[in-house]
Amino acid sequence: MSKRTLLMAVLCLGLAAPAAYAANASGSKSRPAGINAREHRQTARIKNGVKDKDLTRGELDKLRADEAAIRAEERVYRKSGDGLSKSEVKDLEKDLNKTSKEIYRAKHNDRTPGGGGGQ
């Protein structure tokens, strides 16, 4: 690689890094995008499972209850102090991971609404 190419690469990285930092720093302090974004993605996955007829009524009710419990827990954490602490974020992420696995299992267990599935 020539010196000129290397210099241009370093210059581009130098200009891109502050822009990336500014995008992260401008986020809302009261609602971390990670938790809320995951909640929205999981809700979309559940809706997709309903649309594709991958979820039974019982599975749907359980997943919606799990999502509601996570939102309620997040509300309690937010009311207890200034935003979410690292341990609270970790706990919410653990709950979201568990629910994500449950969504996957429910969508891929060959059960369908109306009892037409195998298991």
C-alpha atoms as a PDB file:
ATOM      1  CA  MET A   1       0.000   0.000   0.000  1.00  0.00           C
ATOM      2  CA  SER A   2       1.400   3.398  -0.889  1.00  0.00           C
ATOM      3  CA  LYS A   3       1.951   6.150   1.642  1.00  0.00           C
ATOM      4  CA  ARG A   4      -0.725   8.246  -0.040  1.00  0.00           C
ATOM      5  CA  THR A   5      -3.353   5.486   0.230  1.00  0.00           C
ATOM      6  CA  LEU A   6      -2.461   4.879   3.850  1.00  0.00           C
ATOM      7  CA  LEU A   7      -2.654   8.598   4.631  1.00  0.00           C
ATOM      8  CA  MET A   8      -6.089   8.861   2.985  1.00  0.00           C
ATOM      9  CA  ALA A   9      -7.373   5.859   4.960  1.00  0.00           C
ATOM     10  CA  VAL A  10      -6.180   7.346   8.251  1.00  0.00           C
ATOM     11  CA  LEU A  11      -7.695  10.721   7.355  1.00  0.00           C
ATOM     12  CA  CYS A  12     -11.066   9.135   6.501  1.00  0.00           C
ATOM     13  CA  LEU A  13     -11.088   7.236   9.791  1.00  0.00           C
ATOM     14  CA  GLY A  14     -10.204  10.425  11.636  1.00  0.00           C
ATOM     15  CA  LEU A  15     -13.182  12.191  10.104  1.00  0.00           C
ATOM     16  CA  ALA A  16     -15.626   9.304  10.546  1.00  0.00           C
ATOM     17  CA  ALA A  17     -14.875   8.559  14.204  1.00  0.00           C
ATOM     18  CA  PRO A  18     -16.126  11.905  15.622  1.00  0.00           C
ATOM     19  CA  ALA A  19     -19.310  11.646  13.532  1.00  0.00           C
ATOM     20  CA  ALA A  20     -19.992   8.162  14.877  1.00  0.00           C
ATOM     21  CA  TYR A  21     -19.372   9.344  18.432  1.00  0.00           C
ATOM     22  CA  ALA A  22     -21.699  12.306  17.982  1.00  0.00           C
ATOM     23  CA  ALA A  23     -24.473  10.012  16.761  1.00  0.00           C
ATOM     24  CA  ASN A  24     -24.168   7.900  19.927  1.00  0.00           C
ATOM     25  CA  ALA A  25     -23.815  10.887  22.250  1.00  0.00           C
ATOM     26  CA  SER A  26     -26.973  12.580  20.954  1.00  0.00           C
ATOM     27  CA  GLY A  27     -29.221   9.707  22.097  1.00  0.00           C
ATOM     28  CA  SER A  28     -31.812  10.227  24.813  1.00  0.00           C
ATOM     29  CA  LYS A  29     -30.485   9.641  28.309  1.00  0.00           C
ATOM     30  CA  SER A  30     -33.814   8.449  29.698  1.00  0.00           C
ATOM     31  CA  ARG A  31     -34.426   5.650  27.164  1.00  0.00           C
ATOM     32  CA  PRO A  32     -31.475   3.608  25.973  1.00  0.00           C
ATOM     33  CA  ALA A  33     -32.007   2.682  22.339  1.00  0.00           C
ATOM     34  CA  GLY A  34     -30.783  -0.859  22.905  1.00  0.00           C
ATOM     35  CA  ILE A  35     -33.568  -1.963  25.248  1.00  0.00           C
ATOM     36  CA  ASN A  36     -36.366  -0.207  23.369  1.00  0.00           C
ATOM     37  CA  ALA A  37     -35.110  -1.283  19.971  1.00  0.00           C
ATOM     38  CA  ARG A  38     -35.027  -4.916  21.117  1.00  0.00           C
ATOM     39  CA  GLU A  39     -38.547  -4.635  22.538  1.00  0.00           C
ATOM     40  CA  HIS A  40     -39.807  -3.280  19.204  1.00  0.00           C
ATOM     41  CA  ARG A  41     -37.988  -5.947  17.180  1.00  0.00           C
ATOM     42  CA  GLN A  42     -39.386  -8.698  19.374  1.00  0.00           C
ATOM     43  CA  THR A  43     -42.900  -7.289  19.092  1.00  0.00           C
ATOM     44  CA  ALA A  44     -42.469  -7.247  15.313  1.00  0.00           C
ATOM     45  CA  ARG A  45     -41.295 -10.884  15.388  1.00  0.00           C
ATOM     46  CA  ILE A  46     -44.405 -11.849  17.358  1.00  0.00           C
ATOM     47  CA  LYS A  47     -46.663  -9.985  14.897  1.00  0.00           C
ATOM     48  CA  ASN A  48     -44.859 -11.705  12.042  1.00  0.00           C
ATOM     49  CA  GLY A  49     -45.490 -15.078  13.706  1.00  0.00           C
ATOM     50  CA  VAL A  50     -49.205 -14.293  13.914  1.00  0.00           C
ATOM     51  CA  LYS A  51     -49.301 -13.171  10.287  1.00  0.00           C
ATOM     52  CA  ASP A  52     -47.481 -16.320   9.115  1.00  0.00           C
ATOM     53  CA  LYS A  53     -49.685 -18.507  11.353  1.00  0.00           C
ATOM     54  CA  ASP A  54     -46.640 -19.854  13.220  1.00  0.00           C
ATOM     55  CA  LEU A  55     -48.071 -19.113  16.682  1.00  0.00           C
ATOM     56  CA  THR A  56     -51.005 -20.696  18.480  1.00  0.00           C
ATOM     57  CA  ARG A  57     -53.293 -18.558  20.613  1.00  0.00           C
ATOM     58  CA  GLY A  58     -51.688 -19.921  23.796  1.00  0.00           C
ATOM     59  CA  GLU A  59     -48.165 -19.171  22.536  1.00  0.00           C
ATOM     60  CA  LEU A  60     -49.239 -15.687  21.488  1.00  0.00           C
ATOM     61  CA  ASP A  61     -50.804 -14.963  24.886  1.00  0.00           C
ATOM     62  CA  LYS A  62     -47.691 -16.170  26.736  1.00  0.00           C
ATOM     63  CA  LEU A  63     -45.321 -14.130  24.558  1.00  0.00           C
ATOM     64  CA  ARG A  64     -47.445 -10.998  24.928  1.00  0.00           C
ATOM     65  CA  ALA A  65     -47.526 -11.499  28.706  1.00  0.00           C
ATOM     66  CA  ASP A  66     -43.736 -11.892  28.774  1.00  0.00           C
ATOM     67  CA  GLU A  67     -43.294  -8.694  26.760  1.00  0.00           C
ATOM     68  CA  ALA A  68     -45.717  -6.825  29.041  1.00  0.00           C
ATOM     69  CA  ALA A  69     -43.833  -8.038  32.129  1.00  0.00           C
ATOM     70  CA  ILE A  70     -40.548  -6.757  30.702  1.00  0.00           C
ATOM     71  CA  ARG A  71     -42.103  -3.358  29.957  1.00  0.00           C
ATOM     72  CA  ALA A  72     -43.558  -3.201  33.475  1.00  0.00           C
ATOM     73  CA  GLU A  73     -40.196  -4.110  34.995  1.00  0.00           C
ATOM     74  CA  GLU A  74     -38.532  -1.391  32.912  1.00  0.00           C
ATOM     75  CA  ARG A  75     -41.099   1.166  34.148  1.00  0.00           C
ATOM     76  CA  VAL A  76     -40.381   0.203  37.773  1.00  0.00           C
ATOM     77  CA  TYR A  77     -36.627   0.538  37.215  1.00  0.00           C
ATOM     78  CA  ARG A  78     -37.030   3.947  35.581  1.00  0.00           C
ATOM     79  CA  LYS A  79     -39.227   5.275  38.394  1.00  0.00           C
ATOM     80  CA  SER A  80     -36.741   4.159  41.049  1.00  0.00           C
ATOM     81  CA  GLY A  81     -33.953   6.488  39.969  1.00  0.00           C
ATOM     82  CA  ASP A  82     -32.211   8.445  37.236  1.00  0.00           C
ATOM     83  CA  GLY A  83     -32.579   6.177  34.199  1.00  0.00           C
ATOM     84  CA  LEU A  84     -31.378   2.594  34.212  1.00  0.00           C
ATOM     85  CA  SER A  85     -28.338   1.369  36.096  1.00  0.00           C
ATOM     86  CA  LYS A  86     -25.958  -1.127  34.497  1.00  0.00           C
ATOM     87  CA  SER A  87     -27.380  -3.948  36.598  1.00  0.00           C
ATOM     88  CA  GLU A  88     -30.940  -3.035  35.601  1.00  0.00           C
ATOM     89  CA  VAL A  89     -29.990  -2.971  31.919  1.00  0.00           C
ATOM     90  CA  LYS A  90     -28.294  -6.339  32.348  1.00  0.00           C
ATOM     91  CA  ASP A  91     -31.417  -7.781  34.006  1.00  0.00           C
ATOM     92  CA  LEU A  92     -33.695  -6.447  31.251  1.00  0.00           C
ATOM     93  CA  GLU A  93     -31.364  -7.824  28.573  1.00  0.00           C
ATOM     94  CA  LYS A  94     -31.426 -11.227  30.294  1.00  0.00           C
ATOM     95  CA  ASP A  95     -35.237 -11.166  30.241  1.00  0.00           C
ATOM     96  CA  LEU A  96     -35.246 -10.053  26.594  1.00  0.00           C
ATOM     97  CA  ASN A  97     -32.840 -12.868  25.689  1.00  0.00           C
ATOM     98  CA  LYS A  98     -35.132 -15.405  27.351  1.00  0.00           C
ATOM     99  CA  THR A  99     -38.191 -14.068  25.557  1.00  0.00           C
ATOM    100  CA  SER A 100     -36.308 -13.993  22.251  1.00  0.00           C
ATOM    101  CA  LYS A 101     -35.547 -17.699  22.607  1.00  0.00           C
ATOM    102  CA  GLU A 102     -39.194 -18.372  23.471  1.00  0.00           C
ATOM    103  CA  ILE A 103     -40.310 -16.498  20.341  1.00  0.00           C
ATOM    104  CA  TYR A 104     -37.967 -18.581  18.202  1.00  0.00           C
ATOM    105  CA  ARG A 105     -39.127 -21.858  19.758  1.00  0.00           C
ATOM    106  CA  ALA A 106     -42.799 -20.943  19.421  1.00  0.00           C
ATOM    107  CA  LYS A 107     -42.399 -19.968  15.769  1.00  0.00           C
ATOM    108  CA  HIS A 108     -40.468 -23.124  14.881  1.00  0.00           C
ATOM    109  CA  ASN A 109     -42.252 -25.884  16.822  1.00  0.00           C
ATOM    110  CA  ASP A 110     -44.590 -26.918  13.975  1.00  0.00           C
ATOM    111  CA  ARG A 111     -47.690 -25.978  15.962  1.00  0.00           C
ATOM    112  CA  THR A 112     -50.244 -23.911  14.087  1.00  0.00           C
ATOM    113  CA  PRO A 113     -53.498 -22.212  15.069  1.00  0.00           C
ATOM    114  CA  GLY A 114     -56.342 -24.670  14.850  1.00  0.00           C
ATOM    115  CA  GLY A 115     -54.277 -27.685  15.887  1.00  0.00           C
ATOM    116  CA  GLY A 116     -52.888 -28.557  12.454  1.00  0.00           C
ATOM    117  CA  GLY A 117     -49.323 -28.958  13.744  1.00  0.00           C
ATOM    118  CA  GLY A 118     -47.229 -31.955  14.626  1.00  0.00           C
ATOM    119  CA  GLN A 119     -46.081 -31.711  18.252  1.00  0.00           C
END
